[in-house]
PDB file of N, CA and C in Angstrom:
ATOM      1  N   MET A   1      -3.499  11.264   7.564  1.00  0.00           N
ATOM      2  CA  MET A   1      -3.535  10.052   6.793  1.00  0.00           C
ATOM      3  C   MET A   1      -2.414   9.100   7.212  1.00  0.00           C
ATOM      4  N   LEU A   2      -1.246   9.673   7.429  1.00  0.00           N
ATOM      5  CA  LEU A   2      -0.101   8.836   7.806  1.00  0.00           C
ATOM      6  C   LEU A   2      -0.287   8.231   9.189  1.00  0.00           C
ATOM      7  N   ALA A   3      -0.937   8.975  10.068  1.00  0.00           N
ATOM      8  CA  ALA A   3      -1.217   8.440  11.403  1.00  0.00           C
ATOM      9  C   ALA A   3      -2.199   7.272  11.311  1.00  0.00           C
ATOM     10  N   LEU A   4      -3.198   7.392  10.452  1.00  0.00           N
ATOM     11  CA  LEU A   4      -4.153   6.300  10.256  1.00  0.00           C
ATOM     12  C   LEU A   4      -3.455   5.064   9.719  1.00  0.00           C
ATOM     13  N   TYR A   5      -2.570   5.255   8.744  1.00  0.00           N
ATOM     14  CA  TYR A   5      -1.828   4.127   8.192  1.00  0.00           C
ATOM     15  C   TYR A   5      -0.941   3.488   9.256  1.00  0.00           C
ATOM     16  N   SER A   6      -0.298   4.313  10.078  1.00  0.00           N
ATOM     17  CA  SER A   6       0.587   3.778  11.113  1.00  0.00           C
ATOM     18  C   SER A   6      -0.182   2.957  12.139  1.00  0.00           C
ATOM     19  N   ILE A   7      -1.346   3.434  12.524  1.00  0.00           N
ATOM     20  CA  ILE A   7      -2.169   2.691  13.486  1.00  0.00           C
ATOM     21  C   ILE A   7      -2.651   1.380  12.887  1.00  0.00           C
ATOM     22  N   LEU A   8      -3.114   1.424  11.642  1.00  0.00           N
ATOM     23  CA  LEU A   8      -3.577   0.193  10.986  1.00  0.00           C
ATOM     24  C   LEU A   8      -2.441  -0.808  10.828  1.00  0.00           C
ATOM     25  N   LEU A   9      -1.268  -0.327  10.458  1.00  0.00           N
ATOM     26  CA  LEU A   9      -0.124  -1.216  10.296  1.00  0.00           C
ATOM     27  C   LEU A   9       0.302  -1.823  11.624  1.00  0.00           C
ATOM     28  N   PHE A  10       0.331  -1.011  12.678  1.00  0.00           N
ATOM     29  CA  PHE A  10       0.704  -1.521  13.993  1.00  0.00           C
ATOM     30  C   PHE A  10      -0.273  -2.608  14.445  1.00  0.00           C
ATOM     31  N   LEU A  11      -1.580  -2.371  14.239  1.00  0.00           N
ATOM     32  CA  LEU A  11      -2.580  -3.384  14.599  1.00  0.00           C
ATOM     33  C   LEU A  11      -2.446  -4.630  13.736  1.00  0.00           C
ATOM     34  N   ALA A  12      -2.134  -4.450  12.462  1.00  0.00           N
ATOM     35  CA  ALA A  12      -1.975  -5.606  11.575  1.00  0.00           C
ATOM     36  C   ALA A  12      -0.775  -6.460  11.966  1.00  0.00           C
ATOM     37  N   ILE A  13       0.270  -5.815  12.459  1.00  0.00           N
ATOM     38  CA  ILE A  13       1.468  -6.565  12.863  1.00  0.00           C
ATOM     39  C   ILE A  13       1.259  -7.252  14.207  1.00  0.00           C
ATOM     40  N   GLN A  14       0.640  -6.563  15.149  1.00  0.00           N
ATOM     41  CA  GLN A  14       0.537  -7.079  16.506  1.00  0.00           C
ATOM     42  C   GLN A  14      -0.624  -8.056  16.723  1.00  0.00           C
ATOM     43  N   LEU A  15      -1.685  -7.940  15.945  1.00  0.00           N
ATOM     44  CA  LEU A  15      -2.854  -8.808  16.099  1.00  0.00           C
ATOM     45  C   LEU A  15      -3.020  -9.653  14.844  1.00  0.00           C
ATOM     46  N   PRO A  16      -2.569 -10.904  14.885  1.00  0.00           N
ATOM     47  CA  PRO A  16      -2.517 -11.696  13.658  1.00  0.00           C
ATOM     48  C   PRO A  16      -3.880 -11.965  13.013  1.00  0.00           C
ATOM     49  N   PHE A  17      -4.916 -12.251  13.789  1.00  0.00           N
ATOM     50  CA  PHE A  17      -6.203 -12.576  13.185  1.00  0.00           C
ATOM     51  C   PHE A  17      -6.866 -11.339  12.595  1.00  0.00           C
ATOM     52  N   ILE A  18      -6.758 -10.228  13.283  1.00  0.00           N
ATOM     53  CA  ILE A  18      -7.313  -8.974  12.779  1.00  0.00           C
ATOM     54  C   ILE A  18      -6.426  -8.427  11.659  1.00  0.00           C
ATOM     55  N   GLY A  19      -5.157  -8.763  11.696  1.00  0.00           N
ATOM     56  CA  GLY A  19      -4.218  -8.306  10.677  1.00  0.00           C
ATOM     57  C   GLY A  19      -4.551  -8.800   9.286  1.00  0.00           C
ATOM     58  N   SER A  20      -5.100 -10.004   9.186  1.00  0.00           N
ATOM     59  CA  SER A  20      -5.480 -10.507   7.868  1.00  0.00           C
ATOM     60  C   SER A  20      -6.648  -9.722   7.286  1.00  0.00           C
ATOM     61  N   ILE A  21      -7.497  -9.188   8.139  1.00  0.00           N
ATOM     62  CA  ILE A  21      -8.598  -8.335   7.677  1.00  0.00           C
ATOM     63  C   ILE A  21      -8.075  -6.931   7.387  1.00  0.00           C
ATOM     64  N   LEU A  22      -7.187  -6.440   8.241  1.00  0.00           N
ATOM     65  CA  LEU A  22      -6.641  -5.097   8.061  1.00  0.00           C
ATOM     66  C   LEU A  22      -5.753  -4.988   6.834  1.00  0.00           C
ATOM     67  N   PHE A  23      -5.231  -6.100   6.349  1.00  0.00           N
ATOM     68  CA  PHE A  23      -4.400  -6.078   5.145  1.00  0.00           C
ATOM     69  C   PHE A  23      -5.185  -5.526   3.953  1.00  0.00           C
ATOM     70  N   PHE A  24      -6.485  -5.774   3.914  1.00  0.00           N
ATOM     71  CA  PHE A  24      -7.307  -5.269   2.819  1.00  0.00           C
ATOM     72  C   PHE A  24      -7.674  -3.795   3.011  1.00  0.00           C
ATOM     73  N   ILE A  25      -7.504  -3.271   4.207  1.00  0.00           N
ATOM     74  CA  ILE A  25      -7.828  -1.873   4.498  1.00  0.00           C
ATOM     75  C   ILE A  25      -6.580  -0.981   4.385  1.00  0.00           C
ATOM     76  N   LEU A  26      -5.398  -1.564   4.470  1.00  0.00           N
ATOM     77  CA  LEU A  26      -4.156  -0.780   4.457  1.00  0.00           C
ATOM     78  C   LEU A  26      -3.961   0.080   3.201  1.00  0.00           C
ATOM     79  N   PRO A  27      -4.385  -0.313   2.001  1.00  0.00           N
ATOM     80  CA  PRO A  27      -4.174   0.568   0.839  1.00  0.00           C
ATOM     81  C   PRO A  27      -5.064   1.808   0.803  1.00  0.00           C
ATOM     82  N   ILE A  28      -6.085   1.891   1.648  1.00  0.00           N
ATOM     83  CA  ILE A  28      -7.030   3.010   1.566  1.00  0.00           C
ATOM     84  C   ILE A  28      -6.364   4.374   1.763  1.00  0.00           C
ATOM     85  N   PRO A  29      -5.460   4.570   2.735  1.00  0.00           N
ATOM     86  CA  PRO A  29      -4.808   5.888   2.810  1.00  0.00           C
ATOM     87  C   PRO A  29      -4.014   6.243   1.551  1.00  0.00           C
ATOM     88  N   PHE A  30      -3.387   5.258   0.926  1.00  0.00           N
ATOM     89  CA  PHE A  30      -2.641   5.512  -0.311  1.00  0.00           C
ATOM     90  C   PHE A  30      -3.595   5.869  -1.454  1.00  0.00           C
ATOM     91  N   ILE A  31      -4.739   5.206  -1.505  1.00  0.00           N
ATOM     92  CA  ILE A  31      -5.736   5.525  -2.535  1.00  0.00           C
ATOM     93  C   ILE A  31      -6.206   6.966  -2.376  1.00  0.00           C
ATOM     94  N   LEU A  32      -6.487   7.378  -1.154  1.00  0.00           N
ATOM     95  CA  LEU A  32      -6.969   8.735  -0.921  1.00  0.00           C
ATOM     96  C   LEU A  32      -5.903   9.784  -1.247  1.00  0.00           C
ATOM     97  N   ILE A  33      -4.655   9.513  -0.911  1.00  0.00           N
ATOM     98  CA  ILE A  33      -3.573  10.449  -1.238  1.00  0.00           C
ATOM     99  C   ILE A  33      -3.391  10.541  -2.750  1.00  0.00           C
ATOM    100  N   ALA A  34      -3.432   9.403  -3.452  1.00  0.00           N
ATOM    101  CA  ALA A  34      -3.264   9.424  -4.906  1.00  0.00           C
ATOM    102  C   ALA A  34      -4.450  10.098  -5.594  1.00  0.00           C
ATOM    103  N   LEU A  35      -5.632  10.040  -4.995  1.00  0.00           N
ATOM    104  CA  LEU A  35      -6.793  10.726  -5.559  1.00  0.00           C
ATOM    105  C   LEU A  35      -6.698  12.239  -5.386  1.00  0.00           C
ATOM    106  N   LYS A  36      -6.276  12.682  -4.212  1.00  0.00           N
ATOM    107  CA  LYS A  36      -6.314  14.109  -3.877  1.00  0.00           C
ATOM    108  C   LYS A  36      -5.058  14.859  -4.323  1.00  0.00           C
ATOM    109  N   GLN A  37      -3.902  14.222  -4.275  1.00  0.00           N
ATOM    110  CA  GLN A  37      -2.632  14.890  -4.555  1.00  0.00           C
ATOM    111  C   GLN A  37      -2.027  14.342  -5.846  1.00  0.00           C
ATOM    112  N   ASN A  38      -0.884  14.898  -6.231  1.00  0.00           N
ATOM    113  CA  ASN A  38      -0.202  14.375  -7.413  1.00  0.00           C
ATOM    114  C   ASN A  38       0.668  13.175  -7.027  1.00  0.00           C
ATOM    115  N   MET A  39       1.329  12.600  -8.010  1.00  0.00           N
ATOM    116  CA  MET A  39       2.084  11.364  -7.769  1.00  0.00           C
ATOM    117  C   MET A  39       3.327  11.602  -6.913  1.00  0.00           C
ATOM    118  N   THR A  40       3.862  12.803  -6.936  1.00  0.00           N
ATOM    119  CA  THR A  40       5.018  13.099  -6.082  1.00  0.00           C
ATOM    120  C   THR A  40       4.638  12.974  -4.607  1.00  0.00           C
ATOM    121  N   TRP A  41       3.474  13.487  -4.255  1.00  0.00           N
ATOM    122  CA  TRP A  41       2.990  13.354  -2.881  1.00  0.00           C
ATOM    123  C   TRP A  41       2.741  11.893  -2.535  1.00  0.00           C
ATOM    124  N   ALA A  42       2.191  11.144  -3.476  1.00  0.00           N
ATOM    125  CA  ALA A  42       1.868   9.742  -3.209  1.00  0.00           C
ATOM    126  C   ALA A  42       3.139   8.922  -2.959  1.00  0.00           C
ATOM    127  N   PHE A  43       4.174   9.145  -3.768  1.00  0.00           N
ATOM    128  CA  PHE A  43       5.409   8.397  -3.555  1.00  0.00           C
ATOM    129  C   PHE A  43       6.171   8.900  -2.326  1.00  0.00           C
ATOM    130  N   GLY A  44       6.040  10.166  -2.002  1.00  0.00           N
ATOM    131  CA  GLY A  44       6.606  10.669  -0.750  1.00  0.00           C
ATOM    132  C   GLY A  44       5.912  10.055   0.455  1.00  0.00           C
ATOM    133  N   PHE A  45       4.591   9.924   0.343  1.00  0.00           N
ATOM    134  CA  PHE A  45       3.813   9.259   1.385  1.00  0.00           C
ATOM    135  C   PHE A  45       4.253   7.808   1.536  1.00  0.00           C
ATOM    136  N   LEU A  46       4.523   7.141   0.418  1.00  0.00           N
ATOM    137  CA  LEU A  46       5.000   5.759   0.462  1.00  0.00           C
ATOM    138  C   LEU A  46       6.368   5.677   1.135  1.00  0.00           C
ATOM    139  N   PHE A  47       7.242   6.620   0.845  1.00  0.00           N
ATOM    140  CA  PHE A  47       8.570   6.623   1.461  1.00  0.00           C
ATOM    141  C   PHE A  47       8.479   6.790   2.974  1.00  0.00           C
ATOM    142  N   ILE A  48       7.690   7.762   3.413  1.00  0.00           N
ATOM    143  CA  ILE A  48       7.528   8.000   4.851  1.00  0.00           C
ATOM    144  C   ILE A  48       6.841   6.807   5.515  1.00  0.00           C
ATOM    145  N   ALA A  49       5.870   6.202   4.815  1.00  0.00           N
ATOM    146  CA  ALA A  49       5.193   5.029   5.361  1.00  0.00           C
ATOM    147  C   ALA A  49       6.169   3.865   5.520  1.00  0.00           C
ATOM    148  N   CYS A  50       7.106   3.719   4.598  1.00  0.00           N
ATOM    149  CA  CYS A  50       8.108   2.657   4.726  1.00  0.00           C
ATOM    150  C   CYS A  50       9.039   2.924   5.902  1.00  0.00           C
ATOM    151  N   LEU A  51       9.389   4.189   6.111  1.00  0.00           N
ATOM    152  CA  LEU A  51      10.214   4.521   7.282  1.00  0.00           C
ATOM    153  C   LEU A  51       9.471   4.219   8.581  1.00  0.00           C
ATOM    154  N   LEU A  52       8.186   4.577   8.628  1.00  0.00           N
ATOM    155  CA  LEU A  52       7.398   4.282   9.826  1.00  0.00           C
ATOM    156  C   LEU A  52       7.188   2.778  10.014  1.00  0.00           C
ATOM    157  N   THR A  53       7.135   2.054   8.919  1.00  0.00           N
ATOM    158  CA  THR A  53       7.007   0.599   9.016  1.00  0.00           C
ATOM    159  C   THR A  53       8.236   0.005   9.678  1.00  0.00           C
ATOM    160  N   MET A  54       9.406   0.524   9.343  1.00  0.00           N
ATOM    161  CA  MET A  54      10.615   0.006   9.972  1.00  0.00           C
ATOM    162  C   MET A  54      10.707   0.413  11.437  1.00  0.00           C
ATOM    163  N   ILE A  55      10.061   1.510  11.816  1.00  0.00           N
ATOM    164  CA  ILE A  55      10.066   1.928  13.216  1.00  0.00           C
ATOM    165  C   ILE A  55       9.062   1.113  14.023  1.00  0.00           C
ATOM    166  N   PHE A  56       7.810   1.020  13.541  1.00  0.00           N
ATOM    167  CA  PHE A  56       6.760   0.330  14.285  1.00  0.00           C
ATOM    168  C   PHE A  56       6.872  -1.185  14.187  1.00  0.00           C
ATOM    169  N   GLY A  57       7.271  -1.663  13.054  1.00  0.00           N
ATOM    170  CA  GLY A  57       7.401  -3.101  12.865  1.00  0.00           C
ATOM    171  C   GLY A  57       8.857  -3.466  12.776  1.00  0.00           C
ATOM    172  N   THR A  58       9.127  -4.421  11.959  1.00  0.00           N
ATOM    173  CA  THR A  58      10.507  -4.818  11.709  1.00  0.00           C
ATOM    174  C   THR A  58      10.794  -4.619  10.233  1.00  0.00           C
ATOM    175  N   ILE A  59      11.989  -4.954   9.851  1.00  0.00           N
ATOM    176  CA  ILE A  59      12.350  -4.877   8.436  1.00  0.00           C
ATOM    177  C   ILE A  59      11.549  -5.909   7.636  1.00  0.00           C
ATOM    178  N   LEU A  60      11.053  -6.932   8.328  1.00  0.00           N
ATOM    179  CA  LEU A  60      10.261  -7.960   7.647  1.00  0.00           C
ATOM    180  C   LEU A  60       8.874  -7.470   7.260  1.00  0.00           C
ATOM    181  N   ALA A  61       8.409  -6.380   7.850  1.00  0.00           N
ATOM    182  CA  ALA A  61       7.104  -5.817   7.496  1.00  0.00           C
ATOM    183  C   ALA A  61       7.198  -4.836   6.327  1.00  0.00           C
ATOM    184  N   LEU A  62       8.397  -4.545   5.872  1.00  0.00           N
ATOM    185  CA  LEU A  62       8.581  -3.604   4.774  1.00  0.00           C
ATOM    186  C   LEU A  62       7.922  -4.060   3.469  1.00  0.00           C
ATOM    187  N   PRO A  63       7.993  -5.344   3.088  1.00  0.00           N
ATOM    188  CA  PRO A  63       7.290  -5.749   1.859  1.00  0.00           C
ATOM    189  C   PRO A  63       5.778  -5.531   1.917  1.00  0.00           C
ATOM    190  N   VAL A  64       5.197  -5.649   3.100  1.00  0.00           N
ATOM    191  CA  VAL A  64       3.756  -5.389   3.233  1.00  0.00           C
ATOM    192  C   VAL A  64       3.460  -3.923   2.946  1.00  0.00           C
ATOM    193  N   ALA A  65       4.298  -3.037   3.461  1.00  0.00           N
ATOM    194  CA  ALA A  65       4.104  -1.607   3.223  1.00  0.00           C
ATOM    195  C   ALA A  65       4.293  -1.267   1.750  1.00  0.00           C
ATOM    196  N   LEU A  66       5.286  -1.864   1.117  1.00  0.00           N
ATOM    197  CA  LEU A  66       5.500  -1.599  -0.299  1.00  0.00           C
ATOM    198  C   LEU A  66       4.358  -2.143  -1.153  1.00  0.00           C
ATOM    199  N   LEU A  67       3.889  -3.339  -0.838  1.00  0.00           N
ATOM    200  CA  LEU A  67       2.790  -3.929  -1.604  1.00  0.00           C
ATOM    201  C   LEU A  67       1.523  -3.098  -1.471  1.00  0.00           C
ATOM    202  N   THR A  68       1.145  -2.770  -0.261  1.00  0.00           N
ATOM    203  CA  THR A  68      -0.083  -1.992  -0.080  1.00  0.00           C
ATOM    204  C   THR A  68       0.081  -0.568  -0.605  1.00  0.00           C
ATOM    205  N   GLY A  69       1.287  -0.027  -0.517  1.00  0.00           N
ATOM    206  CA  GLY A  69       1.530   1.316  -1.034  1.00  0.00           C
ATOM    207  C   GLY A  69       1.418   1.394  -2.540  1.00  0.00           C
ATOM    208  N   PHE A  70       2.105   0.492  -3.240  1.00  0.00           N
ATOM    209  CA  PHE A  70       2.021   0.492  -4.696  1.00  0.00           C
ATOM    210  C   PHE A  70       0.611   0.173  -5.172  1.00  0.00           C
ATOM    211  N   LEU A  71      -0.033  -0.734  -4.485  1.00  0.00           N
ATOM    212  CA  LEU A  71      -1.410  -1.092  -4.838  1.00  0.00           C
ATOM    213  C   LEU A  71      -2.344   0.107  -4.688  1.00  0.00           C
ATOM    214  N   GLY A  72      -2.239   0.816  -3.581  1.00  0.00           N
ATOM    215  CA  GLY A  72      -3.083   1.980  -3.359  1.00  0.00           C
ATOM    216  C   GLY A  72      -2.794   3.109  -4.334  1.00  0.00           C
ATOM    217  N   ILE A  73      -1.521   3.310  -4.651  1.00  0.00           N
ATOM    218  CA  ILE A  73      -1.163   4.371  -5.594  1.00  0.00           C
ATOM    219  C   ILE A  73      -1.713   4.064  -6.983  1.00  0.00           C
ATOM    220  N   VAL A  74      -1.612   2.818  -7.414  1.00  0.00           N
ATOM    221  CA  VAL A  74      -2.127   2.451  -8.740  1.00  0.00           C
ATOM    222  C   VAL A  74      -3.646   2.600  -8.799  1.00  0.00           C
ATOM    223  N   ILE A  75      -4.334   2.136  -7.781  1.00  0.00           N
ATOM    224  CA  ILE A  75      -5.795   2.260  -7.768  1.00  0.00           C
ATOM    225  C   ILE A  75      -6.201   3.734  -7.725  1.00  0.00           C
ATOM    226  N   GLY A  76      -5.563   4.521  -6.891  1.00  0.00           N
ATOM    227  CA  GLY A  76      -5.883   5.938  -6.797  1.00  0.00           C
ATOM    228  C   GLY A  76      -5.608   6.692  -8.087  1.00  0.00           C
ATOM    229  N   TYR A  77      -4.507   6.349  -8.755  1.00  0.00           N
ATOM    230  CA  TYR A  77      -4.180   6.998 -10.029  1.00  0.00           C
ATOM    231  C   TYR A  77      -5.254   6.710 -11.076  1.00  0.00           C
ATOM    232  N   HIS A  78      -5.641   5.461 -11.187  1.00  0.00           N
ATOM    233  CA  HIS A  78      -6.653   5.100 -12.187  1.00  0.00           C
ATOM    234  C   HIS A  78      -8.025   5.676 -11.850  1.00  0.00           C
ATOM    235  N   LEU A  79      -8.351   5.768 -10.580  1.00  0.00           N
ATOM    236  CA  LEU A  79      -9.624   6.387 -10.210  1.00  0.00           C
ATOM    237  C   LEU A  79      -9.609   7.882 -10.521  1.00  0.00           C
ATOM    238  N   ARG A  80      -8.472   8.534 -10.303  1.00  0.00           N
ATOM    239  CA  ARG A  80      -8.377   9.963 -10.606  1.00  0.00           C
ATOM    240  C   ARG A  80      -8.482  10.229 -12.095  1.00  0.00           C
ATOM    241  N   LYS A  81      -7.932   9.346 -12.913  1.00  0.00           N
ATOM    242  CA  LYS A  81      -7.987   9.502 -14.368  1.00  0.00           C
ATOM    243  C   LYS A  81      -9.292   8.966 -14.964  1.00  0.00           C
ATOM    244  N   SER A  82     -10.183   8.421 -14.139  1.00  0.00           N
ATOM    245  CA  SER A  82     -11.490   7.893 -14.556  1.00  0.00           C
ATOM    246  C   SER A  82     -11.364   6.785 -15.603  1.00  0.00           C
ATOM    247  N   HIS A  83     -10.442   5.875 -15.354  1.00  0.00           N
ATOM    248  CA  HIS A  83     -10.301   4.731 -16.246  1.00  0.00           C
ATOM    249  C   HIS A  83     -11.386   3.705 -15.958  1.00  0.00           C
ATOM    250  N   SER A  84     -11.556   2.782 -16.889  1.00  0.00           N
ATOM    251  CA  SER A  84     -12.587   1.754 -16.722  1.00  0.00           C
ATOM    252  C   SER A  84     -12.186   0.777 -15.616  1.00  0.00           C
ATOM    253  N   THR A  85     -13.189   0.084 -15.102  1.00  0.00           N
ATOM    254  CA  THR A  85     -12.926  -0.847 -14.000  1.00  0.00           C
ATOM    255  C   THR A  85     -12.064  -2.020 -14.442  1.00  0.00           C
ATOM    256  N   ILE A  86     -12.178  -2.454 -15.696  1.00  0.00           N
ATOM    257  CA  ILE A  86     -11.347  -3.572 -16.159  1.00  0.00           C
ATOM    258  C   ILE A  86      -9.880  -3.150 -16.238  1.00  0.00           C
ATOM    259  N   LYS A  87      -9.633  -1.890 -16.605  1.00  0.00           N
ATOM    260  CA  LYS A  87      -8.255  -1.399 -16.639  1.00  0.00           C
ATOM    261  C   LYS A  87      -7.696  -1.291 -15.221  1.00  0.00           C
ATOM    262  N   ILE A  88      -8.514  -0.852 -14.289  1.00  0.00           N
ATOM    263  CA  ILE A  88      -8.088  -0.787 -12.888  1.00  0.00           C
ATOM    264  C   ILE A  88      -7.784  -2.188 -12.368  1.00  0.00           C
ATOM    265  N   TYR A  89      -8.651  -3.128 -12.691  1.00  0.00           N
ATOM    266  CA  TYR A  89      -8.473  -4.511 -12.224  1.00  0.00           C
ATOM    267  C   TYR A  89      -7.199  -5.119 -12.803  1.00  0.00           C
ATOM    268  N   ILE A  90      -6.975  -4.959 -14.102  1.00  0.00           N
ATOM    269  CA  ILE A  90      -5.798  -5.550 -14.740  1.00  0.00           C
ATOM    270  C   ILE A  90      -4.517  -4.936 -14.188  1.00  0.00           C
ATOM    271  N   SER A  91      -4.486  -3.624 -14.035  1.00  0.00           N
ATOM    272  CA  SER A  91      -3.273  -2.990 -13.515  1.00  0.00           C
ATOM    273  C   SER A  91      -3.034  -3.366 -12.055  1.00  0.00           C
ATOM    274  N   THR A  92      -4.101  -3.531 -11.288  1.00  0.00           N
ATOM    275  CA  THR A  92      -3.956  -3.947  -9.893  1.00  0.00           C
ATOM    276  C   THR A  92      -3.389  -5.362  -9.802  1.00  0.00           C
ATOM    277  N   VAL A  93      -3.889  -6.252 -10.633  1.00  0.00           N
ATOM    278  CA  VAL A  93      -3.381  -7.626 -10.644  1.00  0.00           C
ATOM    279  C   VAL A  93      -1.921  -7.660 -11.056  1.00  0.00           C
ATOM    280  N   LEU A  94      -1.558  -6.854 -12.051  1.00  0.00           N
ATOM    281  CA  LEU A  94      -0.163  -6.828 -12.484  1.00  0.00           C
ATOM    282  C   LEU A  94       0.762  -6.271 -11.404  1.00  0.00           C
ATOM    283  N   VAL A  95       0.307  -5.273 -10.673  1.00  0.00           N
ATOM    284  CA  VAL A  95       1.126  -4.714  -9.587  1.00  0.00           C
ATOM    285  C   VAL A  95       1.304  -5.742  -8.474  1.00  0.00           C
ATOM    286  N   VAL A  96       0.235  -6.436  -8.112  1.00  0.00           N
ATOM    287  CA  VAL A  96       0.339  -7.457  -7.066  1.00  0.00           C
ATOM    288  C   VAL A  96       1.277  -8.582  -7.507  1.00  0.00           C
ATOM    289  N   LEU A  97       1.159  -9.024  -8.749  1.00  0.00           N
ATOM    290  CA  LEU A  97       2.051 -10.072  -9.250  1.00  0.00           C
ATOM    291  C   LEU A  97       3.508  -9.607  -9.268  1.00  0.00           C
ATOM    292  N   ALA A  98       3.743  -8.386  -9.710  1.00  0.00           N
ATOM    293  CA  ALA A  98       5.110  -7.869  -9.748  1.00  0.00           C
ATOM    294  C   ALA A  98       5.692  -7.764  -8.337  1.00  0.00           C
ATOM    295  N   CYS A  99       4.900  -7.296  -7.397  1.00  0.00           N
ATOM    296  CA  CYS A  99       5.387  -7.182  -6.018  1.00  0.00           C
ATOM    297  C   CYS A  99       5.681  -8.557  -5.413  1.00  0.00           C
ATOM    298  N   ILE A 100       4.829  -9.519  -5.688  1.00  0.00           N
ATOM    299  CA  ILE A 100       5.062 -10.873  -5.162  1.00  0.00           C
ATOM    300  C   ILE A 100       6.314 -11.488  -5.782  1.00  0.00           C
ATOM    301  N   ILE A 101       6.505 -11.298  -7.093  1.00  0.00           N
ATOM    302  CA  ILE A 101       7.709 -11.821  -7.759  1.00  0.00           C
ATOM    303  C   ILE A 101       8.961 -11.172  -7.176  1.00  0.00           C
ATOM    304  N   VAL A 102       8.919  -9.863  -6.954  1.00  0.00           N
ATOM    305  CA  VAL A 102      10.081  -9.166  -6.378  1.00  0.00           C
ATOM    306  C   VAL A 102      10.330  -9.630  -4.947  1.00  0.00           C
ATOM    307  N   MET A 103       9.266  -9.836  -4.173  1.00  0.00           N
ATOM    308  CA  MET A 103       9.453 -10.305  -2.795  1.00  0.00           C
ATOM    309  C   MET A 103      10.067 -11.697  -2.766  1.00  0.00           C
ATOM    310  N   PHE A 104       9.584 -12.588  -3.619  1.00  0.00           N
ATOM    311  CA  PHE A 104      10.158 -13.934  -3.637  1.00  0.00           C
ATOM    312  C   PHE A 104      11.542 -13.945  -4.246  1.00  0.00           C
ATOM    313  N   GLY A 105      11.790 -13.061  -5.188  1.00  0.00           N
ATOM    314  CA  GLY A 105      13.118 -12.984  -5.790  1.00  0.00           C
ATOM    315  C   GLY A 105      14.146 -12.412  -4.823  1.00  0.00           C
ATOM    316  N   GLY A 106      13.688 -11.536  -3.931  1.00  0.00           N
ATOM    317  CA  GLY A 106      14.595 -10.946  -2.950  1.00  0.00           C
ATOM    318  C   GLY A 106      14.909 -11.860  -1.793  1.00  0.00           C
ATOM    319  N   SER A 107      14.130 -12.911  -1.609  1.00  0.00           N
ATOM    320  CA  SER A 107      14.385 -13.800  -0.474  1.00  0.00           C
ATOM    321  C   SER A 107      15.135 -15.030  -0.853  1.00  0.00           C
TER     322      SER A 107
END
């Protein structure tokens, strides 16, 4: 799973036009990990993915990894708990808004 994420991230960074499409595919490995494993594994996966992001990309690509990681973990958690789609949608929107606010606040 981590190799798939690393390849997708590398392609998203190096190929700008395809990267905008791959941005929507990047949370899928996190969703699958959060569905199959517990949250400790999911956050460990996010940590390792952030380390690989700094290796393959630059420090400027780290917010993308954090955004897609948190987004995938939240979606995977709600799918595992069989929550309603409106609850998944609302929590996903709140996570994206929180990540964007933190990214703009950090810059």
